[in-house]
Amino acid sequence: MLSKLVRAPLVLSLLAAPFAASAEYHVDMLKPNSPMANDAYSLHWGILWVCVAIFIIVFAAMFWSIFKHRRSQGAVPAQFHENTTIEIIWTLVPLIVLVAMAWPATRTMLEMKDASNADIAVKVTAYQWRWEYDYQKEGVRLISNLSTPRDQIEERDGPGKPKNEHYLLEVDNPMVVPVGKKVRLLITSNDVIHGWYVPQLAVNQYGIPGFIKDAWFTAEQPGIYRGQCSQICGKEHAYMPIVVDVRSEADYNKWVQEQKAKQPPPTPTNVSQQAPAQGSEAAPQQAAAAAQAGAPAAGAAPAGGGAAPAKMDVAELKSNGEKLYAANCAACHQPTGKGMPPAFPALAGSKIATGPKAGHMNIVLHGKPGTAMASFARLTDAEIASIITFERTSWGNNAGEVQPAEVAAARK
């Protein structure tokens, strides 16, 4: 008897343990914050209650029939065949119920696909394992990486450091959008299939290499909304969060101006087409105008991502490179530079990081076909120079720095 009394609370505590250990426990969907999310939320609960009603009616009828017409009460089964009325009823009633559920669901699905007449268009490019946001009208481009420190994630040598409030759901550069505006997303991928998923905005769209899929949302309330990549995309899939920062229109416009000030000057792509022939009288004027605008003159080789300082201080290169390496390279090659051979080779003491600069710049700019090493040509010359300098001067490597001008030359 005593063992039973002790065993019962123990079993209950074991059953409750997973829920007690959870930081938060929700039985509901996250609070919606867009018209489509509200429609999806209403559909979810509406159809759930229809299913509950059907369950109650069917099982109540079944249990009543079993109890009322049991053999001990002398019930005799009715004998009938092909009752047209009953067949019509059991055909029409489910049909009406299905149409009543399918109509609003179809309308919502069609609305979800209608990305026309958008106020803002953002091209979303997925990489292993980060997101790039390119604002088409505003001329703003940013890379969004996981910002949770690696010492909170890595637990190979014991428990990691205490977790942040938004552990694995925090980024360095969130997508910023204005409240109440229709935002169109042009979603693609640079490598494998990813999924851009933010449940409170009702967006879950695949990013497929070679294709552009569109989606849209209109955030109804300012705030921070979080999501994750919804497709298993490789080793760091769990470290690919999405953060959407919804601000007032005034704050959004201010943010755009701040970001534009940080962006490198645009590189003209049609200068060679519009440039006059050599010896033309207009050539000096065009060169002067380009210099005044901060752009390269006609015929000049533009640096990747825009103009960059030709020479930077080595300490600045290493400091910037450490941060950029942590965001772009540490997932594969590890913060220690030891990598995870054979898939992710070590950089400490490697032939690449201690060999000629040209080879190091080539593999960073162009990647290595047939491996997980992708091209990082999307980064600016200063960013690539900083990463390479950090790799060539860390973990016992003493190969010297690389300057942005050298990266610019290597792009040609």
Protein backbone atom coordinates (compact mmCIF):
# COMPACT_ATOMS: atom_id res chain seq x y z
CA MET A 1 0.00 0.00 0.00
CA LEU A 2 2.82 2.39 0.93
CA SER A 3 4.62 1.67 -2.34
CA LYS A 4 1.48 2.61 -4.28
CA LEU A 5 1.18 5.89 -2.38
CA VAL A 6 4.81 6.74 -3.14
CA ARG A 7 4.66 5.55 -6.74
CA ALA A 8 1.61 7.64 -7.77
CA PRO A 9 3.15 11.09 -7.03
CA LEU A 10 6.41 9.97 -8.64
CA VAL A 11 4.68 9.04 -11.89
CA LEU A 12 2.74 12.33 -11.90
CA SER A 13 5.92 14.34 -11.32
CA LEU A 14 7.68 12.54 -14.19
CA LEU A 15 4.77 13.26 -16.51
CA ALA A 16 4.77 16.94 -15.51
CA ALA A 17 8.55 17.36 -15.74
CA PRO A 18 8.73 18.29 -19.46
CA PHE A 19 6.17 21.04 -18.95
CA ALA A 20 7.77 22.35 -15.75
CA ALA A 21 11.14 22.55 -17.49
CA SER A 22 9.79 24.69 -20.30
CA ALA A 23 10.40 28.42 -20.05
CA GLU A 24 6.99 29.04 -21.57
CA TYR A 25 4.16 26.73 -22.51
CA HIS A 26 1.55 27.77 -25.05
CA VAL A 27 -1.47 25.78 -26.17
CA ASP A 28 -2.44 28.51 -28.63
CA MET A 29 -0.90 29.95 -31.78
CA LEU A 30 1.27 33.05 -31.45
CA LYS A 31 -0.68 36.30 -31.47
CA PRO A 32 -1.23 37.29 -35.13
CA ASN A 33 0.03 40.64 -36.42
CA SER A 34 -1.06 40.82 -40.06
CA PRO A 35 -4.35 40.47 -41.98
CA MET A 36 -3.31 37.05 -43.29
CA ALA A 37 -2.19 35.90 -39.85
CA ASN A 38 -5.56 36.99 -38.43
CA ASP A 39 -7.38 35.06 -41.16
CA ALA A 40 -5.24 31.97 -40.53
CA TYR A 41 -5.88 32.27 -36.80
CA SER A 42 -9.66 32.57 -37.33
CA LEU A 43 -9.63 29.62 -39.74
CA HIS A 44 -7.67 27.52 -37.28
CA TRP A 45 -10.12 28.01 -34.43
CA GLY A 46 -13.23 28.03 -36.64
CA ILE A 47 -12.42 24.70 -38.26
CA LEU A 48 -11.30 23.26 -34.92
CA TRP A 49 -14.70 24.02 -33.38
CA VAL A 50 -16.48 22.52 -36.41
CA CYS A 51 -14.45 19.34 -35.90
CA VAL A 52 -15.28 19.37 -32.17
CA ALA A 53 -19.00 19.71 -32.95
CA ILE A 54 -18.85 16.83 -35.45
CA PHE A 55 -16.99 14.71 -32.92
CA ILE A 56 -19.60 15.38 -30.21
CA ILE A 57 -22.58 14.72 -32.51
CA VAL A 58 -21.17 11.51 -34.02
CA PHE A 59 -19.95 9.97 -30.77
CA ALA A 60 -23.04 11.06 -28.83
CA ALA A 61 -25.24 9.37 -31.43
CA MET A 62 -23.06 6.26 -31.34
CA PHE A 63 -23.02 5.97 -27.53
CA TRP A 64 -26.75 6.67 -27.32
CA SER A 65 -27.45 3.95 -29.89
CA ILE A 66 -25.24 1.44 -28.07
CA PHE A 67 -26.85 2.18 -24.71
CA LYS A 68 -30.48 2.48 -25.87
CA HIS A 69 -30.50 -0.51 -28.19
CA ARG A 70 -28.46 -3.03 -26.19
CA ARG A 71 -29.36 -6.68 -26.29
CA SER A 72 -30.15 -6.86 -22.57
CA GLN A 73 -33.10 -4.53 -23.22
CA GLY A 74 -34.45 -6.81 -25.92
CA ALA A 75 -33.61 -4.52 -28.81
CA VAL A 76 -34.11 -6.04 -32.27
CA PRO A 77 -32.01 -4.69 -35.18
CA ALA A 78 -34.02 -2.99 -37.90
CA GLN A 79 -33.83 -4.56 -41.35
CA PHE A 80 -33.67 -2.13 -44.24
CA HIS A 81 -31.69 -1.62 -47.43
CA GLU A 82 -31.06 1.31 -49.79
CA ASN A 83 -32.84 4.04 -47.86
CA THR A 84 -32.68 6.91 -50.37
CA THR A 85 -33.47 9.60 -47.80
CA ILE A 86 -30.66 8.56 -45.45
CA GLU A 87 -28.16 8.31 -48.34
CA ILE A 88 -29.04 11.82 -49.53
CA ILE A 89 -28.69 13.20 -45.99
CA TRP A 90 -25.31 11.61 -45.30
CA THR A 91 -24.03 12.85 -48.67
CA LEU A 92 -25.32 16.42 -48.53
CA VAL A 93 -24.47 17.22 -44.90
CA PRO A 94 -20.71 16.44 -45.19
CA LEU A 95 -20.63 18.24 -48.56
CA ILE A 96 -22.15 21.38 -47.05
CA VAL A 97 -19.71 21.25 -44.11
CA LEU A 98 -16.69 20.82 -46.41
CA VAL A 99 -17.75 23.69 -48.69
CA ALA A 100 -18.36 25.91 -45.65
CA MET A 101 -14.78 25.22 -44.50
CA ALA A 102 -13.15 25.30 -47.95
CA TRP A 103 -14.63 28.63 -49.03
CA PRO A 104 -12.85 30.89 -46.47
CA ALA A 105 -9.71 28.74 -46.65
CA THR A 106 -9.50 29.14 -50.45
CA ARG A 107 -10.15 32.88 -50.21
CA THR A 108 -7.34 33.25 -47.65
CA MET A 109 -4.92 31.21 -49.77
CA LEU A 110 -5.63 33.35 -52.83
CA GLU A 111 -5.10 36.54 -50.81
CA MET A 112 -1.80 35.18 -49.49
CA LYS A 113 -0.55 34.87 -53.06
CA ASP A 114 -1.59 38.38 -54.12
CA ALA A 115 1.58 40.43 -53.62
CA SER A 116 0.54 43.19 -56.04
CA ASN A 117 0.45 46.91 -55.22
CA ALA A 118 3.11 46.63 -52.54
CA ASP A 119 4.53 49.72 -50.82
CA ILE A 120 7.96 48.16 -50.23
CA ALA A 121 9.81 45.35 -52.03
CA VAL A 122 12.62 43.44 -50.32
CA LYS A 123 14.66 40.77 -52.05
CA VAL A 124 15.47 38.04 -49.52
CA THR A 125 18.43 35.81 -50.39
CA ALA A 126 19.19 32.81 -48.18
CA TYR A 127 22.72 31.57 -47.60
CA GLN A 128 24.16 28.81 -45.47
CA TRP A 129 23.48 30.14 -42.88
CA ARG A 130 22.32 33.76 -42.95
CA TRP A 131 19.90 36.08 -44.73
CA GLU A 132 20.50 38.98 -47.08
CA TYR A 133 17.89 41.76 -47.33
CA ASP A 134 18.06 44.02 -50.37
CA TYR A 135 15.54 46.88 -50.30
CA GLN A 136 14.74 47.43 -53.98
CA LYS A 137 13.55 51.07 -53.89
CA GLU A 138 15.53 52.35 -50.92
CA GLY A 139 18.95 51.12 -52.06
CA VAL A 140 19.70 49.49 -48.71
CA ARG A 141 21.36 46.08 -48.42
CA LEU A 142 22.25 44.22 -45.24
CA ILE A 143 23.29 40.77 -44.07
CA SER A 144 21.48 39.27 -41.07
CA ASN A 145 23.43 36.79 -38.92
CA LEU A 146 22.72 34.99 -35.68
CA SER A 147 24.01 37.20 -32.85
CA THR A 148 23.84 34.69 -29.99
CA PRO A 149 27.46 34.34 -28.77
CA ARG A 150 29.10 31.02 -29.57
CA ASP A 151 30.07 30.53 -25.93
CA GLN A 152 26.35 30.16 -25.13
CA ILE A 153 25.96 27.53 -27.86
CA GLU A 154 29.08 25.39 -27.58
CA GLU A 155 28.93 22.89 -24.71
CA ARG A 156 31.64 20.42 -25.69
CA ASP A 157 33.72 21.15 -22.58
CA GLY A 158 30.85 21.64 -20.15
CA PRO A 159 27.79 23.86 -19.78
CA GLY A 160 27.83 26.99 -21.90
CA LYS A 161 27.31 30.47 -20.55
CA PRO A 162 23.79 31.53 -19.41
CA LYS A 163 21.42 31.88 -22.36
CA ASN A 164 20.04 35.21 -23.54
CA GLU A 165 16.33 35.91 -23.36
CA HIS A 166 15.97 35.26 -27.09
CA TYR A 167 18.54 32.48 -27.35
CA LEU A 168 19.05 31.45 -31.01
CA LEU A 169 16.33 33.92 -32.10
CA GLU A 170 18.43 37.11 -32.16
CA VAL A 171 20.30 38.68 -35.07
CA ASP A 172 22.77 41.50 -35.65
CA ASN A 173 20.76 43.16 -38.45
CA PRO A 174 16.98 42.62 -38.41
CA MET A 175 14.68 43.33 -41.33
CA VAL A 176 13.12 46.74 -40.59
CA VAL A 177 9.71 47.64 -42.07
CA PRO A 178 7.09 50.33 -41.44
CA VAL A 179 3.82 49.51 -39.73
CA GLY A 180 0.69 49.39 -41.89
CA LYS A 181 2.56 49.12 -45.21
CA LYS A 182 2.35 46.20 -47.63
CA VAL A 183 5.77 44.57 -47.85
CA ARG A 184 6.49 42.30 -50.81
CA LEU A 185 9.19 39.67 -50.33
CA LEU A 186 11.12 38.28 -53.31
CA ILE A 187 12.62 35.14 -51.82
CA THR A 188 15.42 33.06 -53.35
CA SER A 189 18.49 31.09 -52.26
CA ASN A 190 22.16 31.04 -53.12
CA ASP A 191 22.85 27.39 -52.28
CA VAL A 192 20.16 24.97 -50.98
CA ILE A 193 16.45 25.20 -50.19
CA HIS A 194 15.68 27.40 -47.18
CA GLY A 195 12.38 28.62 -45.72
CA TRP A 196 11.60 32.19 -44.62
CA TYR A 197 9.12 31.65 -41.78
CA VAL A 198 7.66 34.24 -39.40
CA PRO A 199 4.44 32.79 -37.91
CA GLN A 200 2.99 36.04 -36.52
CA LEU A 201 3.12 37.56 -40.01
CA ALA A 202 1.75 34.39 -41.70
CA VAL A 203 4.71 34.04 -44.07
CA ASN A 204 6.33 30.67 -44.73
CA GLN A 205 7.90 30.68 -48.19
CA TYR A 206 10.63 28.48 -49.64
CA GLY A 207 13.80 30.04 -51.01
CA ILE A 208 14.86 27.85 -53.95
CA PRO A 209 18.12 28.31 -55.90
CA GLY A 210 17.43 29.63 -59.38
CA PHE A 211 13.85 30.68 -58.58
CA ILE A 212 12.23 33.74 -57.04
CA LYS A 213 9.10 33.10 -54.97
CA ASP A 214 7.09 36.02 -53.66
CA ALA A 215 5.12 36.56 -50.48
CA TRP A 216 3.82 39.58 -48.60
CA PHE A 217 2.68 40.86 -45.24
CA THR A 218 1.34 44.01 -43.63
CA ALA A 219 2.31 44.36 -39.97
CA GLU A 220 -0.53 45.87 -37.93
CA GLN A 221 1.37 46.71 -34.74
CA PRO A 222 4.95 47.92 -34.13
CA GLY A 223 7.20 45.43 -32.38
CA ILE A 224 9.73 42.64 -32.84
CA TYR A 225 8.59 39.46 -34.56
CA ARG A 226 10.79 36.39 -34.71
CA GLY A 227 11.00 33.32 -36.90
CA GLN A 228 13.43 30.74 -38.24
CA CYS A 229 14.44 28.91 -41.39
CA SER A 230 11.75 26.25 -41.83
CA GLN A 231 13.67 23.88 -44.12
CA ILE A 232 16.50 21.65 -42.96
CA CYS A 233 19.33 23.34 -44.86
CA GLY A 234 22.49 21.86 -43.38
CA LYS A 235 24.62 21.68 -40.27
CA GLU A 236 23.78 25.19 -38.98
CA HIS A 237 20.06 25.07 -39.81
CA ALA A 238 19.14 25.76 -36.18
CA TYR A 239 21.27 28.91 -36.20
CA MET A 240 19.44 30.79 -38.95
CA PRO A 241 16.86 33.00 -37.20
CA ILE A 242 14.71 35.76 -38.69
CA VAL A 243 13.85 38.99 -36.89
CA VAL A 244 11.43 41.58 -38.29
CA ASP A 245 11.51 44.97 -36.58
CA VAL A 246 8.25 46.83 -37.28
CA ARG A 247 8.51 50.59 -36.69
CA SER A 248 6.45 53.70 -37.23
CA GLU A 249 6.77 55.25 -40.69
CA ALA A 250 8.83 58.15 -39.32
CA ASP A 251 11.23 55.81 -37.52
CA TYR A 252 11.48 53.63 -40.61
CA ASN A 253 12.38 56.61 -42.82
CA LYS A 254 15.00 57.66 -40.29
CA TRP A 255 16.44 54.13 -40.30
CA VAL A 256 16.61 54.13 -44.11
CA GLN A 257 18.59 57.39 -44.11
CA GLU A 258 20.97 56.00 -41.48
CA GLN A 259 21.51 52.83 -43.49
CA LYS A 260 22.08 54.76 -46.71
CA ALA A 261 24.82 56.71 -44.99
CA LYS A 262 26.53 53.43 -44.12
CA GLN A 263 26.18 51.91 -47.59
CA PRO A 264 29.18 52.11 -49.93
CA PRO A 265 28.73 54.51 -52.87
CA PRO A 266 26.88 52.83 -55.76
CA THR A 267 29.04 51.58 -58.59
CA PRO A 268 27.67 52.63 -62.00
CA THR A 269 27.09 49.58 -64.19
CA ASN A 270 26.49 51.36 -67.45
CA VAL A 271 29.45 53.77 -67.47
CA SER A 272 31.25 51.73 -70.12
CA GLN A 273 28.19 51.90 -72.36
CA GLN A 274 27.76 55.64 -71.94
CA ALA A 275 31.43 56.63 -71.79
CA PRO A 276 32.74 58.56 -74.81
CA ALA A 277 35.57 57.18 -76.84
CA GLN A 278 39.17 57.84 -75.81
CA GLY A 279 40.33 61.26 -76.85
CA SER A 280 36.82 62.72 -76.72
CA GLU A 281 36.55 66.19 -75.25
CA ALA A 282 33.82 65.00 -72.85
CA ALA A 283 36.12 62.46 -71.16
CA PRO A 284 37.81 64.89 -68.70
CA GLN A 285 34.44 66.40 -67.74
CA GLN A 286 32.95 62.94 -67.13
CA ALA A 287 35.92 61.90 -65.02
CA ALA A 288 35.62 65.08 -62.96
CA ALA A 289 31.88 64.59 -62.47
CA ALA A 290 32.42 60.99 -61.40
CA ALA A 291 35.11 62.02 -58.93
CA GLN A 292 32.86 64.72 -57.49
CA ALA A 293 30.06 62.16 -57.02
CA GLY A 294 32.44 59.75 -55.30
CA ALA A 295 32.19 57.16 -58.12
CA PRO A 296 35.05 55.79 -60.24
CA ALA A 297 35.68 57.43 -63.58
CA ALA A 298 34.79 55.70 -66.83
CA GLY A 299 37.04 52.75 -67.46
CA ALA A 300 38.08 52.45 -63.80
CA ALA A 301 37.74 49.03 -62.21
CA PRO A 302 35.08 49.29 -59.48
CA ALA A 303 35.65 47.59 -56.17
CA GLY A 304 33.14 44.94 -55.15
CA GLY A 305 30.26 46.42 -53.21
CA GLY A 306 31.38 49.98 -53.95
CA ALA A 307 34.37 52.11 -53.05
CA ALA A 308 36.52 51.14 -50.07
CA PRO A 309 39.64 52.68 -48.51
CA ALA A 310 42.72 51.47 -50.37
CA LYS A 311 44.66 50.95 -47.13
CA MET A 312 43.48 50.26 -43.60
CA ASP A 313 45.28 49.98 -40.29
CA VAL A 314 46.23 46.38 -39.49
CA ALA A 315 44.72 46.58 -35.99
CA GLU A 316 41.43 47.80 -37.51
CA LEU A 317 41.48 44.99 -40.08
CA LYS A 318 42.00 42.37 -37.37
CA SER A 319 39.34 43.84 -35.08
CA ASN A 320 36.73 44.00 -37.86
CA GLY A 321 37.85 40.62 -39.18
CA GLU A 322 37.29 38.88 -35.85
CA LYS A 323 33.63 40.00 -35.81
CA LEU A 324 33.07 39.17 -39.47
CA TYR A 325 34.75 35.78 -39.08
CA ALA A 326 32.46 34.95 -36.14
CA ALA A 327 29.39 35.86 -38.21
CA ASN A 328 30.39 34.27 -41.51
CA CYS A 329 33.04 31.59 -41.01
CA ALA A 330 33.11 30.28 -37.42
CA ALA A 331 30.12 27.99 -37.95
CA CYS A 332 32.21 25.74 -40.22
CA HIS A 333 35.84 26.50 -39.40
CA GLN A 334 35.16 26.98 -35.66
CA PRO A 335 36.16 30.00 -33.51
CA THR A 336 39.47 28.28 -32.82
CA GLY A 337 40.26 27.88 -36.53
CA LYS A 338 40.59 24.10 -36.07
CA GLY A 339 37.61 23.32 -38.31
CA MET A 340 35.89 19.93 -38.41
CA PRO A 341 37.88 17.85 -40.92
CA PRO A 342 37.36 16.49 -43.47
CA ALA A 343 34.20 18.46 -44.34
CA PHE A 344 35.43 21.75 -42.86
CA PRO A 345 39.25 21.96 -42.92
CA ALA A 346 41.27 23.78 -40.30
CA LEU A 347 42.58 27.28 -41.02
CA ALA A 348 45.17 27.23 -38.25
CA GLY A 349 48.43 26.39 -40.00
CA SER A 350 46.67 25.64 -43.31
CA LYS A 351 48.34 26.12 -46.69
CA ILE A 352 45.59 28.55 -47.68
CA ALA A 353 45.89 30.83 -44.64
CA THR A 354 49.70 30.79 -44.60
CA GLY A 355 50.33 30.64 -48.34
CA PRO A 356 50.20 33.25 -51.10
CA LYS A 357 47.61 36.00 -50.72
CA ALA A 358 46.28 35.41 -54.22
CA GLY A 359 45.16 31.87 -53.42
CA HIS A 360 43.51 32.94 -50.17
CA MET A 361 41.62 35.79 -51.84
CA ASN A 362 40.60 33.56 -54.75
CA ILE A 363 38.93 30.92 -52.58
CA VAL A 364 37.11 33.52 -50.46
CA LEU A 365 35.90 35.42 -53.53
CA HIS A 366 34.96 32.42 -55.67
CA GLY A 367 34.45 29.52 -53.26
CA LYS A 368 35.45 25.94 -54.02
CA PRO A 369 33.15 23.90 -56.32
CA GLY A 370 32.02 20.56 -54.97
CA THR A 371 32.47 21.59 -51.33
CA ALA A 372 30.56 23.59 -48.73
CA MET A 373 32.88 26.55 -49.32
CA ALA A 374 30.68 29.17 -51.00
CA SER A 375 31.67 32.45 -52.62
CA PHE A 376 31.74 35.49 -50.33
CA ALA A 377 31.99 37.98 -53.19
CA ARG A 378 28.83 39.66 -51.88
CA LEU A 379 30.90 41.19 -49.05
CA THR A 380 32.70 44.47 -49.61
CA ASP A 381 36.43 44.68 -50.30
CA ALA A 382 37.05 46.01 -46.78
CA GLU A 383 35.05 43.16 -45.22
CA ILE A 384 36.86 40.47 -47.20
CA ALA A 385 40.22 42.07 -46.46
CA SER A 386 39.36 42.12 -42.76
CA ILE A 387 38.34 38.43 -42.69
CA ILE A 388 41.42 37.29 -44.60
CA THR A 389 43.71 39.41 -42.41
CA PHE A 390 42.18 37.89 -39.28
CA GLU A 391 42.65 34.35 -40.65
CA ARG A 392 46.25 35.01 -41.71
CA THR A 393 47.27 36.54 -38.37
CA SER A 394 45.44 34.30 -35.87
CA TRP A 395 45.95 30.87 -34.27
CA GLY A 396 49.70 31.02 -34.83
CA ASN A 397 49.43 32.11 -38.48
CA ASN A 398 51.85 34.93 -39.34
CA ALA A 399 51.21 35.52 -43.03
CA GLY A 400 50.47 39.25 -42.85
CA GLU A 401 47.54 41.44 -43.72
CA VAL A 402 45.52 41.90 -46.92
CA GLN A 403 44.36 45.40 -47.91
CA PRO A 404 41.02 46.30 -49.59
CA ALA A 405 42.88 47.49 -52.72
CA GLU A 406 44.34 44.00 -53.15
CA VAL A 407 40.86 42.45 -52.90
CA ALA A 408 39.57 44.96 -55.46
CA ALA A 409 42.35 43.98 -57.83
CA ALA A 410 41.65 40.25 -57.28
CA ARG A 411 38.02 40.73 -58.37
CA LYS A 412 39.04 41.65 -61.91
